[in-house]
Amino acid sequence: MKQAKARISVPKDKGKVKKVVSLLIAAGIFMLLYFGLPDIFSYEARVMTAVVSFGVVLWALEPIPIGLTALLILVLMLILNLADTSIVYSGFASPATHLVVGGMMIARAVNETALVKRVSYYIVKKWGATAKGLLGSMIVVQQIQAFFIPSTAVRTTLVIPISTLIVNSIGAKPGSNLRKMIMLGIAFGGNISGTAILTAAVGNILTVELLIRYAGINITYFQWFLYTLPLWLILIPGIWILLYKYFPLKEEQKSFPHIKEEMDLKMKELGAVSFKEIRCLVILLFIVGLWITEPYHGLHPSVPALIGAVVMSLPGVGFAKWENVVKINYNTVLLLSVTLSMGYGLIDSGAVDRIGEYISVGWFLESIQNPVIAAIFVIILAQVFHKLVSNVSAAVVTLIPIMISVAENAGVDPLPLAFIAGVTSLFGFLLVVKTMPNLVVHSTGLIEQRDFLVPGILVTIMTTIATIFVALTWWQFIGLI
């Protein structure tokens, strides 16, 4: 019995040691930058760079929750007096933050109806009787959700119960290729679901917000869709084919006709389409309509999202209880708000300018004068940078300001560099901690971190090649680069 207890305590001890080591590494990075950066960095720029790097390491190693790390960074910015309090708190007042809050409320409201389940069951019933069709269904469901639900984590979470049901129904055993294929399809499908829809990913929102604030450039909902649609249309079938080919299946695992009957049964359990679902769909279409027509009415995308949250919750008009709608994930709010404040602080402290000067060596400035070379360089840089930085928000908020600064030093348009960096930073397939869909799928216990590695490398290579291809063709054709 004592031996059993000892065996149980070992992982806990290892976990504590790992947390302590992670905190020490983060503190070491802080001290290294604080004392090691040259005198060209002012006090504010030096400490701001050290604080941001400290936070990025904590997000990468996760010794404490991501929301707590965000709050710690906020406190450090305040007590070290790195910027005016209006700058430090500005992330919480950003329209981008309110867009995410509104989006999470919409998702909570929609989840009070059977609409998402009904659509998902229908798609799986239609194409899920074969392994190839089932994989495609799991990927496509999240792409459809992206038009209405502005959160990759929420979209993936909504698909998980259905995928778990299917995994058990078709007998996909632990460690089997069939299970790995389906679960990675959900994770990777969630990662690309925000590609073409401005409101569908935090990285998109951060990119647009930083461009507006520090380059005076606004990208509308329709413009983002126009720029990224070809890339999205390449990635959806690309990931589907790659995963299906990478995980060879036995003949008996390629077909499961009973899925159709099970989905029929599930749809019967839901009953006929309710008036609640119809109201939900009408309000969702109204919100999307406002997003699409942004050039005509000028409303920031956060406004339609907040309107939707209000209408969905109003007694007699909506269909959801406010007590449920308001139960959003505050970790996400803290993460987004503080990363925005970090970005603003990096720029206002002068840290970005100093970093930009160091990067802006002669050969580099000359090379990015060529838009094609600049696009390829930024695509590769963003892919590598995202592998070193823990999450999309941290990657975008540190990389975009630097790209804007470098573009100004080179005398080129900052839009292509910042936009391409923002889009490419969405794609994190290699490690569980890189994106929320990866974390949500891994948290089910149906798949291990090691299962992400090789497929993640292959999909990373594929997305890099696809992005470069779109840059050389579509983005040149429409004049983006």
Protein backbone atom coordinates (compact mmCIF):
# COMPACT_ATOMS: atom_id res chain seq x y z
CA MET A 1 0.00 0.00 0.00
CA LYS A 2 2.86 2.36 0.90
CA GLN A 3 4.53 1.55 -2.39
CA ALA A 4 1.35 2.40 -4.27
CA LYS A 5 1.18 5.75 -2.48
CA ALA A 6 4.80 6.41 -3.36
CA ARG A 7 4.12 5.66 -7.00
CA ILE A 8 1.17 8.04 -6.97
CA SER A 9 3.17 10.86 -5.38
CA VAL A 10 5.99 10.75 -7.95
CA PRO A 11 4.03 12.38 -10.79
CA LYS A 12 2.81 15.07 -8.39
CA ASP A 13 6.38 15.78 -7.29
CA LYS A 14 7.52 15.88 -10.90
CA GLY A 15 4.69 18.29 -11.68
CA LYS A 16 5.74 20.60 -8.86
CA VAL A 17 9.37 20.51 -9.97
CA LYS A 18 8.35 21.27 -13.54
CA LYS A 19 6.32 24.28 -12.38
CA VAL A 20 9.17 25.62 -10.27
CA VAL A 21 11.68 25.14 -13.09
CA SER A 22 9.32 26.87 -15.55
CA LEU A 23 8.93 29.84 -13.20
CA LEU A 24 12.70 30.05 -12.76
CA ILE A 25 13.25 29.97 -16.53
CA ALA A 26 10.72 32.79 -17.00
CA ALA A 27 12.37 34.82 -14.22
CA GLY A 28 15.81 34.14 -15.74
CA ILE A 29 14.64 35.40 -19.14
CA PHE A 30 13.28 38.53 -17.46
CA MET A 31 16.58 39.23 -15.69
CA LEU A 32 18.64 38.46 -18.80
CA LEU A 33 16.74 40.98 -20.90
CA TYR A 34 16.51 43.59 -18.16
CA PHE A 35 20.27 43.65 -17.61
CA GLY A 36 21.37 42.50 -21.07
CA LEU A 37 19.56 44.83 -23.46
CA PRO A 38 21.74 47.71 -24.72
CA ASP A 39 21.46 51.29 -23.52
CA ILE A 40 19.55 52.26 -26.67
CA PHE A 41 16.52 50.76 -24.87
CA SER A 42 14.95 53.20 -22.42
CA TYR A 43 13.90 51.97 -18.96
CA GLU A 44 10.30 51.52 -20.10
CA ALA A 45 11.31 49.76 -23.32
CA ARG A 46 13.76 47.46 -21.52
CA VAL A 47 11.36 46.44 -18.75
CA MET A 48 8.40 46.13 -21.14
CA THR A 49 10.41 43.76 -23.37
CA ALA A 50 11.44 41.75 -20.29
CA VAL A 51 7.85 41.56 -18.97
CA VAL A 52 6.43 40.47 -22.33
CA SER A 53 9.13 37.79 -22.72
CA PHE A 54 8.49 36.66 -19.13
CA GLY A 55 4.79 36.26 -19.95
CA VAL A 56 5.41 34.48 -23.25
CA VAL A 57 7.61 31.89 -21.49
CA LEU A 58 4.92 31.33 -18.85
CA TRP A 59 2.30 30.86 -21.56
CA ALA A 60 4.59 28.42 -23.36
CA LEU A 61 5.46 26.30 -20.31
CA GLU A 62 2.14 26.77 -18.45
CA PRO A 63 3.24 26.43 -14.81
CA ILE A 64 0.15 28.50 -13.95
CA PRO A 65 -3.19 28.94 -15.81
CA ILE A 66 -3.15 31.21 -18.86
CA GLY A 67 -5.61 33.63 -17.30
CA LEU A 68 -3.49 33.94 -14.16
CA THR A 69 -0.40 34.61 -16.31
CA ALA A 70 -2.32 37.37 -18.09
CA LEU A 71 -3.36 38.94 -14.78
CA LEU A 72 0.23 38.70 -13.49
CA ILE A 73 1.51 40.56 -16.56
CA LEU A 74 -1.14 43.24 -16.05
CA VAL A 75 -0.09 43.71 -12.42
CA LEU A 76 3.60 43.92 -13.38
CA MET A 77 2.86 46.56 -16.01
CA LEU A 78 1.02 48.59 -13.38
CA ILE A 79 3.42 48.34 -10.43
CA LEU A 80 6.51 48.86 -12.62
CA ASN A 81 4.84 51.95 -14.11
CA LEU A 82 5.68 50.91 -17.68
CA ALA A 83 2.95 53.02 -19.26
CA ASP A 84 0.07 55.27 -18.35
CA THR A 85 -2.78 53.33 -16.73
CA SER A 86 -4.99 54.25 -19.68
CA ILE A 87 -2.61 52.27 -21.91
CA VAL A 88 -2.30 49.35 -19.49
CA TYR A 89 -6.07 49.01 -19.19
CA SER A 90 -6.77 49.84 -22.84
CA GLY A 91 -6.98 46.19 -23.87
CA PHE A 92 -10.10 45.80 -21.74
CA ALA A 93 -11.73 48.77 -23.48
CA SER A 94 -10.81 47.55 -26.95
CA PRO A 95 -13.63 46.77 -29.41
CA ALA A 96 -11.80 43.50 -30.10
CA THR A 97 -12.32 42.39 -26.51
CA HIS A 98 -16.01 43.22 -26.67
CA LEU A 99 -16.32 41.31 -29.93
CA VAL A 100 -14.96 38.20 -28.23
CA VAL A 101 -17.20 38.74 -25.18
CA GLY A 102 -20.23 39.17 -27.43
CA GLY A 103 -19.21 36.11 -29.43
CA MET A 104 -18.89 33.94 -26.33
CA MET A 105 -22.30 35.11 -25.14
CA ILE A 106 -23.80 34.27 -28.52
CA ALA A 107 -22.25 30.80 -28.31
CA ARG A 108 -23.70 30.28 -24.82
CA ALA A 109 -27.12 31.36 -26.09
CA VAL A 110 -26.98 29.18 -29.20
CA ASN A 111 -26.01 26.22 -27.04
CA GLU A 112 -29.36 26.55 -25.23
CA THR A 113 -31.03 25.39 -28.43
CA ALA A 114 -30.63 22.17 -30.38
CA LEU A 115 -29.61 24.04 -33.55
CA VAL A 116 -25.90 23.12 -33.55
CA LYS A 117 -26.63 19.50 -32.68
CA ARG A 118 -29.30 19.29 -35.38
CA VAL A 119 -27.01 20.65 -38.09
CA SER A 120 -24.12 18.44 -36.94
CA TYR A 121 -26.26 15.30 -36.82
CA TYR A 122 -27.58 16.05 -40.30
CA ILE A 123 -24.11 16.49 -41.80
CA VAL A 124 -22.80 13.31 -40.15
CA LYS A 125 -25.89 11.43 -41.29
CA LYS A 126 -25.39 12.64 -44.84
CA TRP A 127 -21.66 11.89 -45.21
CA GLY A 128 -20.54 10.02 -42.09
CA ALA A 129 -21.20 6.43 -43.18
CA THR A 130 -17.60 6.11 -44.40
CA ALA A 131 -14.34 7.01 -42.67
CA LYS A 132 -13.50 9.52 -45.39
CA GLY A 133 -16.93 11.14 -45.17
CA LEU A 134 -16.90 11.15 -41.36
CA LEU A 135 -13.54 12.91 -41.27
CA GLY A 136 -14.76 15.46 -43.79
CA SER A 137 -17.94 16.00 -41.74
CA MET A 138 -16.01 16.73 -38.55
CA ILE A 139 -13.89 19.29 -40.41
CA VAL A 140 -16.74 20.94 -42.33
CA VAL A 141 -19.06 21.32 -39.31
CA GLN A 142 -16.60 23.73 -37.69
CA GLN A 143 -16.18 25.72 -40.91
CA ILE A 144 -19.96 26.28 -41.00
CA GLN A 145 -19.99 27.26 -37.33
CA ALA A 146 -17.27 29.85 -38.01
CA PHE A 147 -19.79 32.16 -39.69
CA PHE A 148 -21.88 32.36 -36.51
CA ILE A 149 -19.68 31.55 -33.49
CA PRO A 150 -16.61 33.82 -33.01
CA SER A 151 -14.43 31.42 -31.01
CA THR A 152 -12.38 28.43 -32.15
CA ALA A 153 -12.47 26.97 -28.64
CA VAL A 154 -16.27 27.15 -28.45
CA ARG A 155 -16.73 25.68 -31.93
CA THR A 156 -14.48 22.74 -31.12
CA THR A 157 -16.16 22.26 -27.73
CA LEU A 158 -19.57 22.07 -29.44
CA VAL A 159 -18.31 19.31 -31.75
CA ILE A 160 -16.62 17.22 -29.01
CA PRO A 161 -19.78 15.54 -27.59
CA ILE A 162 -20.81 14.43 -31.09
CA SER A 163 -17.33 13.20 -31.94
CA THR A 164 -17.09 11.27 -28.65
CA LEU A 165 -20.43 9.62 -29.39
CA ILE A 166 -19.23 8.65 -32.86
CA VAL A 167 -15.85 7.34 -31.64
CA ASN A 168 -17.64 5.01 -29.22
CA SER A 169 -20.28 4.04 -31.77
CA ILE A 170 -17.85 2.96 -34.50
CA GLY A 171 -15.55 1.20 -32.03
CA ALA A 172 -12.49 3.37 -32.63
CA LYS A 173 -10.16 1.82 -30.08
CA PRO A 174 -7.54 3.78 -28.07
CA GLY A 175 -4.40 4.27 -30.15
CA SER A 176 -6.10 3.20 -33.38
CA ASN A 177 -5.55 5.12 -36.60
CA LEU A 178 -9.29 5.66 -36.88
CA ARG A 179 -9.50 7.44 -33.52
CA LYS A 180 -6.37 9.52 -34.17
CA MET A 181 -7.64 10.55 -37.61
CA ILE A 182 -11.03 11.70 -36.32
CA MET A 183 -9.70 13.59 -33.27
CA LEU A 184 -6.91 15.30 -35.23
CA GLY A 185 -9.46 16.19 -37.89
CA ILE A 186 -11.46 18.03 -35.23
CA ALA A 187 -8.36 19.80 -33.82
CA PHE A 188 -6.87 20.79 -37.17
CA GLY A 189 -10.29 21.62 -38.61
CA GLY A 190 -10.83 23.96 -35.67
CA ASN A 191 -7.46 25.63 -36.26
CA ILE A 192 -8.26 26.54 -39.87
CA SER A 193 -11.91 27.42 -39.22
CA GLY A 194 -11.01 31.03 -38.48
CA THR A 195 -9.00 31.56 -41.67
CA ALA A 196 -11.49 33.43 -43.84
CA ILE A 197 -13.96 34.83 -41.29
CA LEU A 198 -12.70 37.98 -39.57
CA THR A 199 -14.81 37.42 -36.46
CA ALA A 200 -14.00 33.70 -36.19
CA ALA A 201 -10.56 33.88 -34.55
CA VAL A 202 -8.94 36.03 -31.87
CA GLY A 203 -5.79 36.31 -34.00
CA ASN A 204 -7.76 37.97 -36.81
CA ILE A 205 -9.31 40.46 -34.42
CA LEU A 206 -5.95 41.32 -32.85
CA THR A 207 -4.35 41.81 -36.28
CA VAL A 208 -7.06 44.21 -37.42
CA GLU A 209 -7.04 46.08 -34.10
CA LEU A 210 -3.27 46.63 -34.17
CA LEU A 211 -3.34 47.72 -37.82
CA ILE A 212 -6.07 50.27 -37.09
CA ARG A 213 -4.38 51.67 -34.01
CA TYR A 214 -0.77 51.88 -35.19
CA ALA A 215 -0.91 51.96 -38.98
CA GLY A 216 -4.26 53.66 -39.56
CA ILE A 217 -5.35 50.75 -41.80
CA ASN A 218 -8.78 49.15 -41.45
CA ILE A 219 -9.65 45.73 -42.87
CA THR A 220 -13.38 45.10 -43.14
CA TYR A 221 -15.16 41.78 -42.70
CA PHE A 222 -15.63 41.48 -46.46
CA GLN A 223 -12.00 42.41 -47.26
CA TRP A 224 -10.66 39.77 -44.88
CA PHE A 225 -12.94 37.21 -46.51
CA LEU A 226 -11.80 38.26 -49.99
CA TYR A 227 -8.11 38.03 -49.06
CA THR A 228 -8.27 34.63 -47.39
CA LEU A 229 -11.05 32.65 -49.13
CA PRO A 230 -8.73 30.85 -51.61
CA LEU A 231 -6.38 29.82 -48.79
CA TRP A 232 -9.34 28.51 -46.75
CA LEU A 233 -10.64 26.54 -49.73
CA ILE A 234 -7.22 24.92 -50.17
CA LEU A 235 -6.70 24.07 -46.49
CA ILE A 236 -10.07 22.38 -45.91
CA PRO A 237 -9.62 19.56 -48.46
CA GLY A 238 -5.84 19.62 -47.93
CA ILE A 239 -6.08 18.65 -44.25
CA TRP A 240 -8.86 16.17 -45.02
CA ILE A 241 -6.81 14.34 -47.65
CA LEU A 242 -3.55 14.49 -45.70
CA LEU A 243 -5.02 12.96 -42.53
CA TYR A 244 -6.92 10.30 -44.43
CA LYS A 245 -3.78 9.26 -46.32
CA TYR A 246 -1.49 9.45 -43.29
CA PHE A 247 -3.65 7.12 -41.19
CA PRO A 248 -4.26 3.98 -43.30
CA LEU A 249 -7.34 2.04 -42.20
CA LYS A 250 -8.29 -1.60 -42.37
CA GLU A 251 -11.15 -2.38 -44.72
CA GLU A 252 -13.62 -2.97 -41.88
CA GLN A 253 -12.79 0.50 -40.47
CA LYS A 254 -13.64 2.34 -43.67
CA SER A 255 -17.39 1.89 -43.53
CA PHE A 256 -20.00 2.05 -40.77
CA PRO A 257 -23.51 2.24 -42.29
CA HIS A 258 -25.17 2.11 -38.85
CA ILE A 259 -24.11 5.75 -38.31
CA LYS A 260 -27.00 6.89 -40.49
CA GLU A 261 -29.52 5.09 -38.31
CA GLU A 262 -27.93 6.44 -35.14
CA MET A 263 -28.03 10.00 -36.42
CA ASP A 264 -31.66 9.48 -37.46
CA LEU A 265 -32.41 8.35 -33.93
CA LYS A 266 -30.63 11.35 -32.45
CA MET A 267 -32.54 13.73 -34.71
CA LYS A 268 -35.83 12.08 -33.70
CA GLU A 269 -34.89 12.59 -30.06
CA LEU A 270 -34.47 16.29 -30.80
CA GLY A 271 -37.95 16.38 -32.26
CA ALA A 272 -39.26 18.85 -34.81
CA VAL A 273 -37.49 22.16 -35.34
CA SER A 274 -38.66 24.40 -32.49
CA PHE A 275 -39.64 28.06 -32.66
CA LYS A 276 -36.67 28.65 -30.35
CA GLU A 277 -34.29 27.29 -33.00
CA ILE A 278 -35.94 29.35 -35.74
CA ARG A 279 -35.53 32.54 -33.69
CA CYS A 280 -31.91 31.59 -33.02
CA LEU A 281 -31.20 31.10 -36.73
CA VAL A 282 -32.91 34.35 -37.72
CA ILE A 283 -30.88 36.34 -35.16
CA LEU A 284 -27.65 34.64 -36.25
CA LEU A 285 -28.33 35.49 -39.90
CA PHE A 286 -29.09 39.07 -38.88
CA ILE A 287 -25.73 39.33 -37.06
CA VAL A 288 -23.82 37.89 -40.03
CA GLY A 289 -25.67 40.29 -42.30
CA LEU A 290 -24.47 43.23 -40.20
CA TRP A 291 -20.90 41.93 -40.30
CA ILE A 292 -20.95 41.56 -44.09
CA THR A 293 -22.43 45.02 -44.64
CA GLU A 294 -19.88 46.79 -42.40
CA PRO A 295 -18.66 49.07 -45.28
CA TYR A 296 -22.19 50.52 -45.55
CA HIS A 297 -23.10 51.17 -41.91
CA GLY A 298 -19.59 51.50 -40.43
CA LEU A 299 -20.34 49.54 -37.25
CA HIS A 300 -17.34 47.80 -35.72
CA PRO A 301 -17.86 43.99 -35.76
CA SER A 302 -18.16 44.08 -31.96
CA VAL A 303 -21.42 46.02 -32.21
CA PRO A 304 -23.42 43.34 -34.11
CA ALA A 305 -22.03 40.71 -31.70
CA LEU A 306 -23.22 42.67 -28.66
CA ILE A 307 -26.57 43.38 -30.36
CA GLY A 308 -26.95 39.65 -30.93
CA ALA A 309 -26.16 38.83 -27.28
CA VAL A 310 -28.76 41.37 -26.13
CA VAL A 311 -31.51 40.27 -28.53
CA MET A 312 -30.95 36.58 -27.79
CA SER A 313 -31.37 37.26 -24.06
CA LEU A 314 -34.29 39.72 -24.07
CA PRO A 315 -37.50 38.25 -22.59
CA GLY A 316 -40.20 37.83 -25.20
CA VAL A 317 -37.79 38.44 -28.08
CA GLY A 318 -34.88 36.14 -27.44
CA PHE A 319 -34.70 32.51 -26.42
CA ALA A 320 -31.88 32.23 -23.86
CA LYS A 321 -31.67 32.89 -20.12
CA TRP A 322 -29.33 35.74 -19.22
CA GLU A 323 -28.00 33.80 -16.21
CA ASN A 324 -26.62 31.21 -18.65
CA VAL A 325 -25.53 33.62 -21.39
CA VAL A 326 -23.32 35.61 -19.01
CA LYS A 327 -21.36 32.51 -17.86
CA ILE A 328 -18.47 33.08 -20.25
CA ASN A 329 -14.85 31.97 -19.89
CA TYR A 330 -13.09 34.90 -18.23
CA ASN A 331 -9.67 33.33 -18.88
CA THR A 332 -10.21 34.13 -22.57
CA VAL A 333 -11.22 37.72 -21.78
CA LEU A 334 -8.10 38.21 -19.64
CA LEU A 335 -5.85 36.61 -22.26
CA LEU A 336 -7.13 38.80 -25.09
CA SER A 337 -7.32 42.04 -23.09
CA VAL A 338 -3.86 41.74 -21.58
CA THR A 339 -2.20 40.65 -24.83
CA LEU A 340 -3.68 43.73 -26.48
CA SER A 341 -2.37 45.89 -23.63
CA MET A 342 1.02 44.19 -24.07
CA GLY A 343 1.02 45.13 -27.74
CA TYR A 344 0.07 48.71 -26.99
CA GLY A 345 2.68 48.86 -24.23
CA LEU A 346 5.43 47.48 -26.47
CA ILE A 347 4.74 50.19 -29.02
CA ASP A 348 4.17 53.12 -26.64
CA SER A 349 7.28 52.27 -24.58
CA GLY A 350 9.44 52.42 -27.71
CA ALA A 351 10.42 48.74 -27.42
CA VAL A 352 9.02 47.87 -30.84
CA ASP A 353 10.94 50.72 -32.47
CA ARG A 354 14.19 49.54 -30.87
CA ILE A 355 13.58 45.92 -31.88
CA GLY A 356 12.61 47.08 -35.37
CA GLU A 357 15.87 49.01 -35.66
CA TYR A 358 17.90 45.94 -34.76
CA ILE A 359 16.07 43.83 -37.33
CA SER A 360 16.20 46.53 -40.01
CA VAL A 361 19.68 45.79 -41.30
CA GLY A 362 20.51 46.86 -44.85
CA TRP A 363 20.16 43.51 -46.64
CA PHE A 364 16.86 42.81 -44.92
CA LEU A 365 15.33 46.18 -45.78
CA GLU A 366 16.44 45.74 -49.39
CA SER A 367 14.98 42.24 -49.64
CA ILE A 368 11.51 43.21 -48.40
CA GLN A 369 11.31 45.91 -51.04
CA ASN A 370 10.31 42.97 -53.24
CA PRO A 371 6.71 42.16 -52.18
CA VAL A 372 6.97 38.47 -53.14
CA ILE A 373 10.20 37.90 -51.19
CA ALA A 374 8.75 39.85 -48.26
CA ALA A 375 5.59 37.69 -48.26
CA ILE A 376 7.55 34.42 -48.33
CA PHE A 377 9.86 35.62 -45.57
CA VAL A 378 6.99 36.68 -43.29
CA ILE A 379 5.10 33.40 -43.88
CA ILE A 380 8.11 31.34 -42.82
CA LEU A 381 8.97 33.71 -39.96
CA ALA A 382 5.41 33.58 -38.55
CA GLN A 383 5.33 29.77 -38.74
CA VAL A 384 8.63 29.51 -36.86
CA PHE A 385 7.74 32.26 -34.39
CA HIS A 386 4.42 30.61 -33.52
CA LYS A 387 6.29 27.39 -32.73
CA LEU A 388 8.41 29.29 -30.19
CA VAL A 389 5.53 31.29 -28.67
CA SER A 390 2.82 29.47 -26.78
CA ASN A 391 -0.47 30.79 -28.16
CA VAL A 392 -1.92 32.66 -31.11
CA SER A 393 -2.69 35.83 -29.16
CA ALA A 394 0.85 36.15 -27.79
CA ALA A 395 2.34 35.43 -31.22
CA VAL A 396 0.20 38.02 -32.99
CA VAL A 397 0.54 40.77 -30.40
CA THR A 398 4.36 40.55 -30.43
CA LEU A 399 4.89 39.93 -34.14
CA ILE A 400 2.43 42.38 -35.73
CA PRO A 401 3.84 45.57 -34.12
CA ILE A 402 7.36 44.52 -35.16
CA MET A 403 6.18 43.94 -38.75
CA ILE A 404 4.57 47.41 -38.78
CA SER A 405 7.79 48.98 -37.47
CA VAL A 406 9.98 47.14 -39.99
CA ALA A 407 7.67 48.13 -42.85
CA GLU A 408 7.93 51.79 -41.82
CA ASN A 409 11.74 51.54 -41.67
CA ALA A 410 11.79 50.00 -45.14
CA GLY A 411 9.33 52.54 -46.51
CA VAL A 412 6.85 49.85 -47.64
CA ASP A 413 3.15 49.32 -47.03
CA PRO A 414 2.72 47.66 -43.59
CA LEU A 415 -0.59 45.99 -44.55
CA PRO A 416 0.83 42.96 -46.42
CA LEU A 417 3.49 42.21 -43.80
CA ALA A 418 1.14 42.56 -40.82
CA PHE A 419 -1.79 40.80 -42.48
CA ILE A 420 0.27 37.82 -43.66
CA ALA A 421 1.91 37.50 -40.23
CA GLY A 422 -1.52 37.54 -38.56
CA VAL A 423 -3.06 34.92 -40.83
CA THR A 424 -0.07 32.58 -40.67
CA SER A 425 0.03 32.81 -36.87
CA LEU A 426 -3.37 31.08 -36.73
CA PHE A 427 -1.87 27.78 -37.81
CA GLY A 428 -0.57 25.77 -34.85
CA PHE A 429 -0.68 22.02 -35.39
CA LEU A 430 2.48 20.63 -33.84
CA LEU A 431 1.93 20.96 -30.09
CA VAL A 432 -1.18 20.77 -27.93
CA VAL A 433 -0.51 24.16 -26.30
CA LYS A 434 -0.36 26.06 -29.59
CA THR A 435 -4.10 26.55 -30.13
CA MET A 436 -7.36 26.20 -28.22
CA PRO A 437 -8.80 23.50 -30.55
CA ASN A 438 -5.71 21.37 -29.86
CA LEU A 439 -6.17 21.84 -26.11
CA VAL A 440 -9.89 21.08 -26.22
CA VAL A 441 -9.38 17.88 -28.22
CA HIS A 442 -6.45 16.75 -26.05
CA SER A 443 -8.49 17.37 -22.87
CA THR A 444 -10.92 14.60 -23.90
CA GLY A 445 -8.24 12.01 -23.15
CA LEU A 446 -8.92 10.36 -26.52
CA ILE A 447 -5.60 11.41 -28.03
CA GLU A 448 -2.03 12.01 -26.81
CA GLN A 449 0.45 14.81 -27.46
CA ARG A 450 2.72 12.44 -29.39
CA ASP A 451 -0.12 11.83 -31.86
CA PHE A 452 0.09 15.49 -32.94
CA LEU A 453 3.78 15.50 -33.82
CA VAL A 454 4.26 13.93 -37.25
CA PRO A 455 0.82 14.89 -38.66
CA GLY A 456 1.42 18.37 -37.20
CA ILE A 457 4.74 18.70 -39.03
CA LEU A 458 3.15 17.56 -42.31
CA VAL A 459 0.18 19.92 -41.98
CA THR A 460 2.52 22.80 -41.05
CA ILE A 461 4.51 22.19 -44.23
CA MET A 462 1.29 21.97 -46.24
CA THR A 463 -0.11 25.23 -44.83
CA THR A 464 3.21 27.01 -45.45
CA ILE A 465 3.27 25.89 -49.08
CA ALA A 466 -0.43 26.73 -49.52
CA THR A 467 0.04 30.23 -48.07
CA ILE A 468 3.06 30.90 -50.30
CA PHE A 469 1.07 29.67 -53.32
CA VAL A 470 -1.84 32.02 -52.51
CA ALA A 471 0.65 34.88 -52.00
CA LEU A 472 2.24 34.29 -55.41
CA THR A 473 -1.12 34.04 -57.17
CA TRP A 474 -4.24 35.46 -55.55
CA TRP A 475 -2.68 38.13 -53.35
CA GLN A 476 -0.66 39.44 -56.28
CA PHE A 477 -3.73 39.36 -58.53
CA ILE A 478 -5.87 41.44 -56.15
CA GLY A 479 -3.00 43.81 -55.37
CA LEU A 480 -2.51 42.91 -51.72
CA ILE A 481 1.21 42.43 -52.33
